[in-house]
Amino acid sequence: MDAYTDFAYVYDTFMDATPYEEWAAFIKKTIEEYGISKPEKSTDTLASERNLVLDLGCGTGTLTEMLAAAGYDMIGIDNSEAMLELAMNKRDEAGHETLYLLQDMREIELFSTVGTVISVCDSLNYILDEDELLQVFRLVHNYLFPGGIFIFDFNTVYKYAQVIGDTTIAENREECSFIWENYYYSEEAVNEYEVTVFVKEKEDIYRKFSETHYQKGYTVEEMKTLVEKAGFSVKEVLDADTRKIPTAESERVYIVAGKAV
């Protein structure tokens, strides 16, 4: 699972159309409906743990800090030092107390349990091996407070195979541009994408860098099977765009899973 390095510093530029506010609203609504976390501080140890929300694969912390602004006590985990540097800058500018940890999600280590775990923007698709993904789910289950919930999304096999696989996407901005080349391997359900970025450093001078990333597509049934095998009960499965029951052409899917009390 490659960490974002140079691309981290232009990530927010190219993700400026991402519906973070919509995601944050969905997460808050889902926690209110199914969860035990509250957007409040408490001096009681158990209440403090229940109120903690872990953002797994938090990236540059945009969503993490939105939830912190809503009152949740946040922890962010990512395996990219560069992404976390940007996240901590956002935290400091906002005056929040978010704890950011440089960790691989396959090796989570927390100081306590948490009431809610979230993972969005296809972070889990970076886990290419089902056994390793099961390990992630088991770790999440282990660190969830009884009655806690796990909210995550993932890109489907359909999206990689039929929508973005073997396509080239390019975008030109004033200060930077990118070329995103996709190669889909159907047997493994893995999408390789090579991102080449040109960043303007001075007039007519650009710095070029490239990164290669791999993501695996999963079906709804595959994800549900792994989640349940890790000890969760599945509370809800939704198309991320329509918020309705997923179809064969759903590109991104939400799963809300709960840990027994």
C-alpha atoms as a PDB file:
ATOM      1  CA  MET A   1       0.000   0.000   0.000  1.00  0.00           C
ATOM      2  CA  ASP A   2       1.912   3.023  -1.268  1.00  0.00           C
ATOM      3  CA  ALA A   3       1.869   6.171   0.836  1.00  0.00           C
ATOM      4  CA  TYR A   4       1.193   9.533  -0.740  1.00  0.00           C
ATOM      5  CA  THR A   5       4.428  11.491  -0.936  1.00  0.00           C
ATOM      6  CA  ASP A   6       4.823  14.432  -3.361  1.00  0.00           C
ATOM      7  CA  PHE A   7       1.223  14.068  -4.523  1.00  0.00           C
ATOM      8  CA  ALA A   8       0.061  14.832  -0.984  1.00  0.00           C
ATOM      9  CA  TYR A   9       0.975  18.489  -1.422  1.00  0.00           C
ATOM     10  CA  VAL A  10      -1.334  18.927  -4.427  1.00  0.00           C
ATOM     11  CA  TYR A  11      -4.002  16.496  -3.225  1.00  0.00           C
ATOM     12  CA  ASP A  12      -6.342  19.161  -1.873  1.00  0.00           C
ATOM     13  CA  THR A  13      -6.002  21.187  -5.063  1.00  0.00           C
ATOM     14  CA  PHE A  14      -7.298  18.355  -7.226  1.00  0.00           C
ATOM     15  CA  MET A  15      -9.864  17.225  -4.636  1.00  0.00           C
ATOM     16  CA  ASP A  16     -11.545  20.625  -4.306  1.00  0.00           C
ATOM     17  CA  ALA A  17     -14.797  19.278  -5.786  1.00  0.00           C
ATOM     18  CA  THR A  18     -15.010  16.423  -3.265  1.00  0.00           C
ATOM     19  CA  PRO A  19     -18.325  16.594  -1.340  1.00  0.00           C
ATOM     20  CA  TYR A  20     -16.784  16.595   2.123  1.00  0.00           C
ATOM     21  CA  GLU A  21     -19.697  18.555   3.617  1.00  0.00           C
ATOM     22  CA  GLU A  22     -22.129  15.950   2.272  1.00  0.00           C
ATOM     23  CA  TRP A  23     -20.002  13.113   3.684  1.00  0.00           C
ATOM     24  CA  ALA A  24     -19.771  14.823   7.067  1.00  0.00           C
ATOM     25  CA  ALA A  25     -23.545  15.316   7.179  1.00  0.00           C
ATOM     26  CA  PHE A  26     -24.134  11.640   6.339  1.00  0.00           C
ATOM     27  CA  ILE A  27     -21.672  10.488   9.001  1.00  0.00           C
ATOM     28  CA  LYS A  28     -23.184  12.720  11.689  1.00  0.00           C
ATOM     29  CA  LYS A  29     -26.702  11.553  10.816  1.00  0.00           C
ATOM     30  CA  THR A  30     -25.608   7.897  10.878  1.00  0.00           C
ATOM     31  CA  ILE A  31     -23.876   8.256  14.248  1.00  0.00           C
ATOM     32  CA  GLU A  32     -27.011   9.849  15.664  1.00  0.00           C
ATOM     33  CA  GLU A  33     -29.119   6.984  14.323  1.00  0.00           C
ATOM     34  CA  TYR A  34     -26.972   3.961  15.151  1.00  0.00           C
ATOM     35  CA  GLY A  35     -24.036   5.017  17.245  1.00  0.00           C
ATOM     36  CA  ILE A  36     -22.990   5.850  20.746  1.00  0.00           C
ATOM     37  CA  SER A  37     -20.572   8.743  20.145  1.00  0.00           C
ATOM     38  CA  LYS A  38     -21.687  12.218  21.193  1.00  0.00           C
ATOM     39  CA  PRO A  39     -20.260  15.578  20.106  1.00  0.00           C
ATOM     40  CA  GLU A  40     -19.407  16.519  23.655  1.00  0.00           C
ATOM     41  CA  LYS A  41     -16.528  16.407  26.104  1.00  0.00           C
ATOM     42  CA  SER A  42     -16.681  14.319  29.266  1.00  0.00           C
ATOM     43  CA  THR A  43     -14.490  13.793  32.300  1.00  0.00           C
ATOM     44  CA  ASP A  44     -15.843  10.266  32.693  1.00  0.00           C
ATOM     45  CA  THR A  45     -13.334   7.801  31.176  1.00  0.00           C
ATOM     46  CA  LEU A  46     -15.904   5.460  29.639  1.00  0.00           C
ATOM     47  CA  ALA A  47     -17.953   8.319  28.215  1.00  0.00           C
ATOM     48  CA  SER A  48     -14.793   9.853  26.766  1.00  0.00           C
ATOM     49  CA  GLU A  49     -13.962   6.605  24.974  1.00  0.00           C
ATOM     50  CA  ARG A  50     -17.515   6.258  23.629  1.00  0.00           C
ATOM     51  CA  ASN A  51     -17.356   9.780  22.239  1.00  0.00           C
ATOM     52  CA  LEU A  52     -14.084   9.240  20.365  1.00  0.00           C
ATOM     53  CA  VAL A  53     -14.295   9.005  16.569  1.00  0.00           C
ATOM     54  CA  LEU A  54     -11.443   7.434  14.593  1.00  0.00           C
ATOM     55  CA  ASP A  55     -10.942   8.493  10.969  1.00  0.00           C
ATOM     56  CA  LEU A  56      -9.076   5.605   9.335  1.00  0.00           C
ATOM     57  CA  GLY A  57      -7.125   6.734   6.264  1.00  0.00           C
ATOM     58  CA  CYS A  58      -7.731  10.377   7.142  1.00  0.00           C
ATOM     59  CA  GLY A  59      -5.476  11.826   4.434  1.00  0.00           C
ATOM     60  CA  THR A  60      -5.051  15.594   4.711  1.00  0.00           C
ATOM     61  CA  GLY A  61      -7.650  15.750   7.464  1.00  0.00           C
ATOM     62  CA  THR A  62     -10.366  17.776   5.725  1.00  0.00           C
ATOM     63  CA  LEU A  63     -13.216  15.522   6.863  1.00  0.00           C
ATOM     64  CA  THR A  64     -11.547  14.852  10.214  1.00  0.00           C
ATOM     65  CA  GLU A  65     -11.443  18.547  11.037  1.00  0.00           C
ATOM     66  CA  MET A  66     -15.037  19.060   9.869  1.00  0.00           C
ATOM     67  CA  LEU A  67     -16.158  16.472  12.397  1.00  0.00           C
ATOM     68  CA  ALA A  68     -13.921  18.055  15.030  1.00  0.00           C
ATOM     69  CA  ALA A  69     -15.644  21.378  14.307  1.00  0.00           C
ATOM     70  CA  ALA A  70     -18.971  19.609  14.878  1.00  0.00           C
ATOM     71  CA  GLY A  71     -17.794  18.743  18.387  1.00  0.00           C
ATOM     72  CA  TYR A  72     -16.526  15.175  18.007  1.00  0.00           C
ATOM     73  CA  ASP A  73     -13.297  14.157  19.721  1.00  0.00           C
ATOM     74  CA  MET A  74     -11.269  13.010  16.712  1.00  0.00           C
ATOM     75  CA  ILE A  75      -8.336  10.694  16.025  1.00  0.00           C
ATOM     76  CA  GLY A  76      -6.900  10.475  12.505  1.00  0.00           C
ATOM     77  CA  ILE A  77      -4.747   7.618  11.225  1.00  0.00           C
ATOM     78  CA  ASP A  78      -2.853   7.570   7.938  1.00  0.00           C
ATOM     79  CA  ASN A  79       0.323   5.915   6.665  1.00  0.00           C
ATOM     80  CA  SER A  80       1.498   9.000   4.743  1.00  0.00           C
ATOM     81  CA  GLU A  81       3.675  11.369   6.740  1.00  0.00           C
ATOM     82  CA  ALA A  82       3.181  14.080   4.112  1.00  0.00           C
ATOM     83  CA  MET A  83      -0.625  13.826   4.296  1.00  0.00           C
ATOM     84  CA  LEU A  84      -0.548  13.976   8.091  1.00  0.00           C
ATOM     85  CA  GLU A  85       1.671  17.067   8.009  1.00  0.00           C
ATOM     86  CA  LEU A  86      -1.062  18.861   6.063  1.00  0.00           C
ATOM     87  CA  ALA A  87      -3.749  17.487   8.390  1.00  0.00           C
ATOM     88  CA  MET A  88      -1.927  18.801  11.440  1.00  0.00           C
ATOM     89  CA  ASN A  89      -1.613  22.216   9.812  1.00  0.00           C
ATOM     90  CA  LYS A  90      -5.412  22.293   9.385  1.00  0.00           C
ATOM     91  CA  ARG A  91      -5.853  21.208  12.999  1.00  0.00           C
ATOM     92  CA  ASP A  92      -3.564  23.932  14.289  1.00  0.00           C
ATOM     93  CA  GLU A  93      -5.231  26.610  12.154  1.00  0.00           C
ATOM     94  CA  ALA A  94      -8.660  25.554  13.439  1.00  0.00           C
ATOM     95  CA  GLY A  95      -7.523  25.290  17.057  1.00  0.00           C
ATOM     96  CA  HIS A  96      -8.789  21.736  17.438  1.00  0.00           C
ATOM     97  CA  GLU A  97      -7.258  18.935  19.533  1.00  0.00           C
ATOM     98  CA  THR A  98      -7.323  16.126  16.952  1.00  0.00           C
ATOM     99  CA  LEU A  99      -4.766  13.396  17.577  1.00  0.00           C
ATOM    100  CA  TYR A 100      -3.030  12.287  14.367  1.00  0.00           C
ATOM    101  CA  LEU A 101      -1.140   8.987  14.251  1.00  0.00           C
ATOM    102  CA  LEU A 102       1.231   7.734  11.570  1.00  0.00           C
ATOM    103  CA  GLN A 103       0.139   4.101  11.268  1.00  0.00           C
ATOM    104  CA  ASP A 104      -0.681   1.445   8.713  1.00  0.00           C
ATOM    105  CA  MET A 105      -4.360   0.519   9.088  1.00  0.00           C
ATOM    106  CA  ARG A 106      -3.314  -3.144   9.062  1.00  0.00           C
ATOM    107  CA  GLU A 107      -1.407  -2.541  12.304  1.00  0.00           C
ATOM    108  CA  ILE A 108      -3.626  -0.174  14.292  1.00  0.00           C
ATOM    109  CA  GLU A 109      -2.541   0.548  17.859  1.00  0.00           C
ATOM    110  CA  LEU A 110      -4.715   2.818  20.005  1.00  0.00           C
ATOM    111  CA  PHE A 111      -4.509   3.879  23.643  1.00  0.00           C
ATOM    112  CA  SER A 112      -8.190   3.103  24.241  1.00  0.00           C
ATOM    113  CA  THR A 113     -11.374   1.984  22.557  1.00  0.00           C
ATOM    114  CA  VAL A 114     -13.418   4.421  20.464  1.00  0.00           C
ATOM    115  CA  GLY A 115     -17.150   4.765  19.893  1.00  0.00           C
ATOM    116  CA  THR A 116     -17.052   5.208  16.117  1.00  0.00           C
ATOM    117  CA  VAL A 117     -14.673   4.348  13.294  1.00  0.00           C
ATOM    118  CA  ILE A 118     -15.057   5.898   9.847  1.00  0.00           C
ATOM    119  CA  SER A 119     -13.141   5.298   6.627  1.00  0.00           C
ATOM    120  CA  VAL A 120     -14.177   7.104   3.447  1.00  0.00           C
ATOM    121  CA  CYS A 121     -12.842   8.180   0.054  1.00  0.00           C
ATOM    122  CA  ASP A 122     -11.997   4.550  -0.875  1.00  0.00           C
ATOM    123  CA  SER A 123      -9.154   4.212   1.634  1.00  0.00           C
ATOM    124  CA  LEU A 124      -9.954   0.518   2.143  1.00  0.00           C
ATOM    125  CA  ASN A 125      -9.541  -0.176  -1.583  1.00  0.00           C
ATOM    126  CA  TYR A 126      -5.799   0.188  -1.009  1.00  0.00           C
ATOM    127  CA  ILE A 127      -5.886  -3.155   0.803  1.00  0.00           C
ATOM    128  CA  LEU A 128      -5.303  -5.599  -2.053  1.00  0.00           C
ATOM    129  CA  ASP A 129      -5.460  -8.855  -0.098  1.00  0.00           C
ATOM    130  CA  GLU A 130      -8.721 -10.093   1.440  1.00  0.00           C
ATOM    131  CA  ASP A 131      -6.940 -11.648   4.422  1.00  0.00           C
ATOM    132  CA  GLU A 132      -5.300  -8.301   5.165  1.00  0.00           C
ATOM    133  CA  LEU A 133      -8.627  -6.503   4.809  1.00  0.00           C
ATOM    134  CA  LEU A 134     -10.149  -8.987   7.249  1.00  0.00           C
ATOM    135  CA  GLN A 135      -7.310  -8.152   9.629  1.00  0.00           C
ATOM    136  CA  VAL A 136      -8.177  -4.452   9.339  1.00  0.00           C
ATOM    137  CA  PHE A 137     -11.823  -5.207  10.132  1.00  0.00           C
ATOM    138  CA  ARG A 138     -10.820  -7.340  13.119  1.00  0.00           C
ATOM    139  CA  LEU A 139      -8.610  -4.556  14.469  1.00  0.00           C
ATOM    140  CA  VAL A 140     -11.435  -2.045  14.044  1.00  0.00           C
ATOM    141  CA  HIS A 141     -13.776  -4.422  15.873  1.00  0.00           C
ATOM    142  CA  ASN A 142     -11.216  -4.885  18.646  1.00  0.00           C
ATOM    143  CA  TYR A 143     -10.853  -1.146  19.253  1.00  0.00           C
ATOM    144  CA  LEU A 144     -14.562  -0.330  19.061  1.00  0.00           C
ATOM    145  CA  PHE A 145     -16.412   0.261  22.306  1.00  0.00           C
ATOM    146  CA  PRO A 146     -19.345  -2.179  22.723  1.00  0.00           C
ATOM    147  CA  GLY A 147     -22.272  -0.729  20.801  1.00  0.00           C
ATOM    148  CA  GLY A 148     -19.953   1.246  18.538  1.00  0.00           C
ATOM    149  CA  ILE A 149     -20.303   1.513  14.777  1.00  0.00           C
ATOM    150  CA  PHE A 150     -18.015   1.321  11.764  1.00  0.00           C
ATOM    151  CA  ILE A 151     -18.946   3.488   8.747  1.00  0.00           C
ATOM    152  CA  PHE A 152     -16.935   2.983   5.576  1.00  0.00           C
ATOM    153  CA  ASP A 153     -17.134   3.256   1.820  1.00  0.00           C
ATOM    154  CA  PHE A 154     -15.442   1.397  -1.017  1.00  0.00           C
ATOM    155  CA  ASN A 155     -15.199   1.496  -4.787  1.00  0.00           C
ATOM    156  CA  THR A 156     -16.836  -1.466  -6.486  1.00  0.00           C
ATOM    157  CA  VAL A 157     -15.517  -3.864  -9.098  1.00  0.00           C
ATOM    158  CA  TYR A 158     -17.987  -2.281 -11.524  1.00  0.00           C
ATOM    159  CA  LYS A 159     -16.397   1.153 -11.116  1.00  0.00           C
ATOM    160  CA  TYR A 160     -12.901  -0.065 -11.892  1.00  0.00           C
ATOM    161  CA  ALA A 161     -13.890  -2.479 -14.659  1.00  0.00           C
ATOM    162  CA  GLN A 162     -16.491  -0.377 -16.466  1.00  0.00           C
ATOM    163  CA  VAL A 163     -15.966   3.270 -15.533  1.00  0.00           C
ATOM    164  CA  ILE A 164     -12.350   4.227 -14.880  1.00  0.00           C
ATOM    165  CA  GLY A 165     -10.381   1.117 -15.827  1.00  0.00           C
ATOM    166  CA  ASP A 166      -8.050   1.574 -18.812  1.00  0.00           C
ATOM    167  CA  THR A 167      -8.886   5.260 -19.139  1.00  0.00           C
ATOM    168  CA  THR A 168      -6.734   8.374 -19.021  1.00  0.00           C
ATOM    169  CA  ILE A 169      -7.878  11.435 -17.109  1.00  0.00           C
ATOM    170  CA  ALA A 170      -6.114  14.786 -17.369  1.00  0.00           C
ATOM    171  CA  GLU A 171      -6.708  18.153 -15.780  1.00  0.00           C
ATOM    172  CA  ASN A 172      -4.937  21.460 -16.313  1.00  0.00           C
ATOM    173  CA  ARG A 173      -4.880  24.099 -13.572  1.00  0.00           C
ATOM    174  CA  GLU A 174      -3.116  27.438 -13.389  1.00  0.00           C
ATOM    175  CA  GLU A 175      -0.563  26.271 -10.831  1.00  0.00           C
ATOM    176  CA  CYS A 176      -0.468  22.535 -11.476  1.00  0.00           C
ATOM    177  CA  SER A 177      -1.716  19.856 -13.856  1.00  0.00           C
ATOM    178  CA  PHE A 178      -1.978  16.091 -13.765  1.00  0.00           C
ATOM    179  CA  ILE A 179      -2.317  13.040 -15.997  1.00  0.00           C
ATOM    180  CA  TRP A 180      -3.967   9.986 -14.414  1.00  0.00           C
ATOM    181  CA  GLU A 181      -3.554   6.760 -16.375  1.00  0.00           C
ATOM    182  CA  ASN A 182      -5.584   3.694 -15.302  1.00  0.00           C
ATOM    183  CA  TYR A 183      -4.826   0.046 -16.021  1.00  0.00           C
ATOM    184  CA  TYR A 184      -7.363  -2.510 -14.838  1.00  0.00           C
ATOM    185  CA  TYR A 185      -6.406  -6.153 -14.211  1.00  0.00           C
ATOM    186  CA  SER A 186      -9.664  -8.071 -14.269  1.00  0.00           C
ATOM    187  CA  GLU A 187      -8.362 -11.365 -12.881  1.00  0.00           C
ATOM    188  CA  GLU A 188      -7.179  -9.699  -9.669  1.00  0.00           C
ATOM    189  CA  ALA A 189      -9.853  -6.933  -9.749  1.00  0.00           C
ATOM    190  CA  VAL A 190      -6.974  -4.489  -9.220  1.00  0.00           C
ATOM    191  CA  ASN A 191      -6.701  -1.026 -10.732  1.00  0.00           C
ATOM    192  CA  GLU A 192      -3.247   0.459 -11.203  1.00  0.00           C
ATOM    193  CA  TYR A 193      -3.088   4.175 -11.656  1.00  0.00           C
ATOM    194  CA  GLU A 194      -0.088   6.203 -12.549  1.00  0.00           C
ATOM    195  CA  VAL A 195      -0.359   9.860 -11.629  1.00  0.00           C
ATOM    196  CA  THR A 196       2.012  12.354 -13.223  1.00  0.00           C
ATOM    197  CA  VAL A 197       1.871  15.880 -11.818  1.00  0.00           C
ATOM    198  CA  PHE A 198       3.385  19.114 -13.098  1.00  0.00           C
ATOM    199  CA  VAL A 199       3.682  21.834 -10.447  1.00  0.00           C
ATOM    200  CA  LYS A 200       4.491  25.406 -11.445  1.00  0.00           C
ATOM    201  CA  GLU A 201       7.455  26.690  -9.435  1.00  0.00           C
ATOM    202  CA  LYS A 202       8.145  29.890 -11.348  1.00  0.00           C
ATOM    203  CA  GLU A 203       7.258  31.441 -14.695  1.00  0.00           C
ATOM    204  CA  ASP A 204       7.400  28.727 -17.385  1.00  0.00           C
ATOM    205  CA  ILE A 205       9.211  26.321 -15.036  1.00  0.00           C
ATOM    206  CA  TYR A 206       7.404  23.235 -13.769  1.00  0.00           C
ATOM    207  CA  ARG A 207       8.489  20.387 -11.516  1.00  0.00           C
ATOM    208  CA  LYS A 208       7.362  16.931 -12.625  1.00  0.00           C
ATOM    209  CA  PHE A 209       6.810  13.943 -10.372  1.00  0.00           C
ATOM    210  CA  SER A 210       4.981  10.630 -10.640  1.00  0.00           C
ATOM    211  CA  GLU A 211       3.423   8.121  -8.267  1.00  0.00           C
ATOM    212  CA  THR A 212       1.908   4.698  -8.862  1.00  0.00           C
ATOM    213  CA  HIS A 213      -0.983   3.452  -6.733  1.00  0.00           C
ATOM    214  CA  TYR A 214      -2.998   0.241  -6.662  1.00  0.00           C
ATOM    215  CA  GLN A 215      -6.584  -0.261  -5.542  1.00  0.00           C
ATOM    216  CA  LYS A 216      -8.685  -3.400  -5.472  1.00  0.00           C
ATOM    217  CA  GLY A 217     -12.373  -3.482  -6.319  1.00  0.00           C
ATOM    218  CA  TYR A 218     -14.727  -5.378  -4.028  1.00  0.00           C
ATOM    219  CA  THR A 219     -18.309  -6.495  -4.430  1.00  0.00           C
ATOM    220  CA  VAL A 220     -20.962  -5.786  -1.820  1.00  0.00           C
ATOM    221  CA  GLU A 221     -21.180  -9.486  -0.955  1.00  0.00           C
ATOM    222  CA  GLU A 222     -17.419  -9.776  -0.517  1.00  0.00           C
ATOM    223  CA  MET A 223     -17.384  -6.804   1.850  1.00  0.00           C
ATOM    224  CA  LYS A 224     -20.397  -7.997   3.845  1.00  0.00           C
ATOM    225  CA  THR A 225     -18.833 -11.452   4.240  1.00  0.00           C
ATOM    226  CA  LEU A 226     -15.554 -10.018   5.551  1.00  0.00           C
ATOM    227  CA  VAL A 227     -17.287  -7.567   7.885  1.00  0.00           C
ATOM    228  CA  GLU A 228     -19.451 -10.293   9.400  1.00  0.00           C
ATOM    229  CA  LYS A 229     -16.487 -12.643   9.676  1.00  0.00           C
ATOM    230  CA  ALA A 230     -14.739  -9.964  11.740  1.00  0.00           C
ATOM    231  CA  GLY A 231     -17.609 -10.043  14.232  1.00  0.00           C
ATOM    232  CA  PHE A 232     -19.780  -7.151  13.043  1.00  0.00           C
ATOM    233  CA  SER A 233     -23.456  -7.086  12.247  1.00  0.00           C
ATOM    234  CA  VAL A 234     -24.319  -5.176   9.061  1.00  0.00           C
ATOM    235  CA  LYS A 235     -26.860  -2.451   9.801  1.00  0.00           C
ATOM    236  CA  GLU A 236     -27.069  -0.741   6.428  1.00  0.00           C
ATOM    237  CA  VAL A 237     -25.693  -0.994   2.873  1.00  0.00           C
ATOM    238  CA  LEU A 238     -26.206   2.040   0.630  1.00  0.00           C
ATOM    239  CA  ASP A 239     -25.231   3.339  -2.771  1.00  0.00           C
ATOM    240  CA  ALA A 240     -23.030   6.298  -1.831  1.00  0.00           C
ATOM    241  CA  ASP A 241     -24.576   8.550  -4.482  1.00  0.00           C
ATOM    242  CA  THR A 242     -28.267   7.718  -4.203  1.00  0.00           C
ATOM    243  CA  ARG A 243     -28.365   6.548  -0.550  1.00  0.00           C
ATOM    244  CA  LYS A 244     -30.544   3.684  -1.784  1.00  0.00           C
ATOM    245  CA  ILE A 245     -30.011  -0.070  -2.089  1.00  0.00           C
ATOM    246  CA  PRO A 246     -26.922  -0.666  -4.278  1.00  0.00           C
ATOM    247  CA  THR A 247     -27.401  -1.904  -7.828  1.00  0.00           C
ATOM    248  CA  ALA A 248     -25.099  -3.759 -10.204  1.00  0.00           C
ATOM    249  CA  GLU A 249     -23.970  -0.338 -11.458  1.00  0.00           C
ATOM    250  CA  SER A 250     -23.215   1.255  -8.086  1.00  0.00           C
ATOM    251  CA  GLU A 251     -19.723   2.739  -8.157  1.00  0.00           C
ATOM    252  CA  ARG A 252     -19.213   3.541  -4.483  1.00  0.00           C
ATOM    253  CA  VAL A 253     -20.991   1.845  -1.586  1.00  0.00           C
ATOM    254  CA  TYR A 254     -21.387   2.664   2.102  1.00  0.00           C
ATOM    255  CA  ILE A 255     -21.570  -0.036   4.769  1.00  0.00           C
ATOM    256  CA  VAL A 256     -22.610   0.711   8.337  1.00  0.00           C
ATOM    257  CA  ALA A 257     -21.625  -2.106  10.700  1.00  0.00           C
ATOM    258  CA  GLY A 258     -22.141  -2.444  14.428  1.00  0.00           C
ATOM    259  CA  LYS A 259     -20.390  -4.126  17.340  1.00  0.00           C
ATOM    260  CA  ALA A 260     -22.617  -5.925  19.828  1.00  0.00           C
ATOM    261  CA  VAL A 261     -23.097  -4.403  23.265  1.00  0.00           C
END
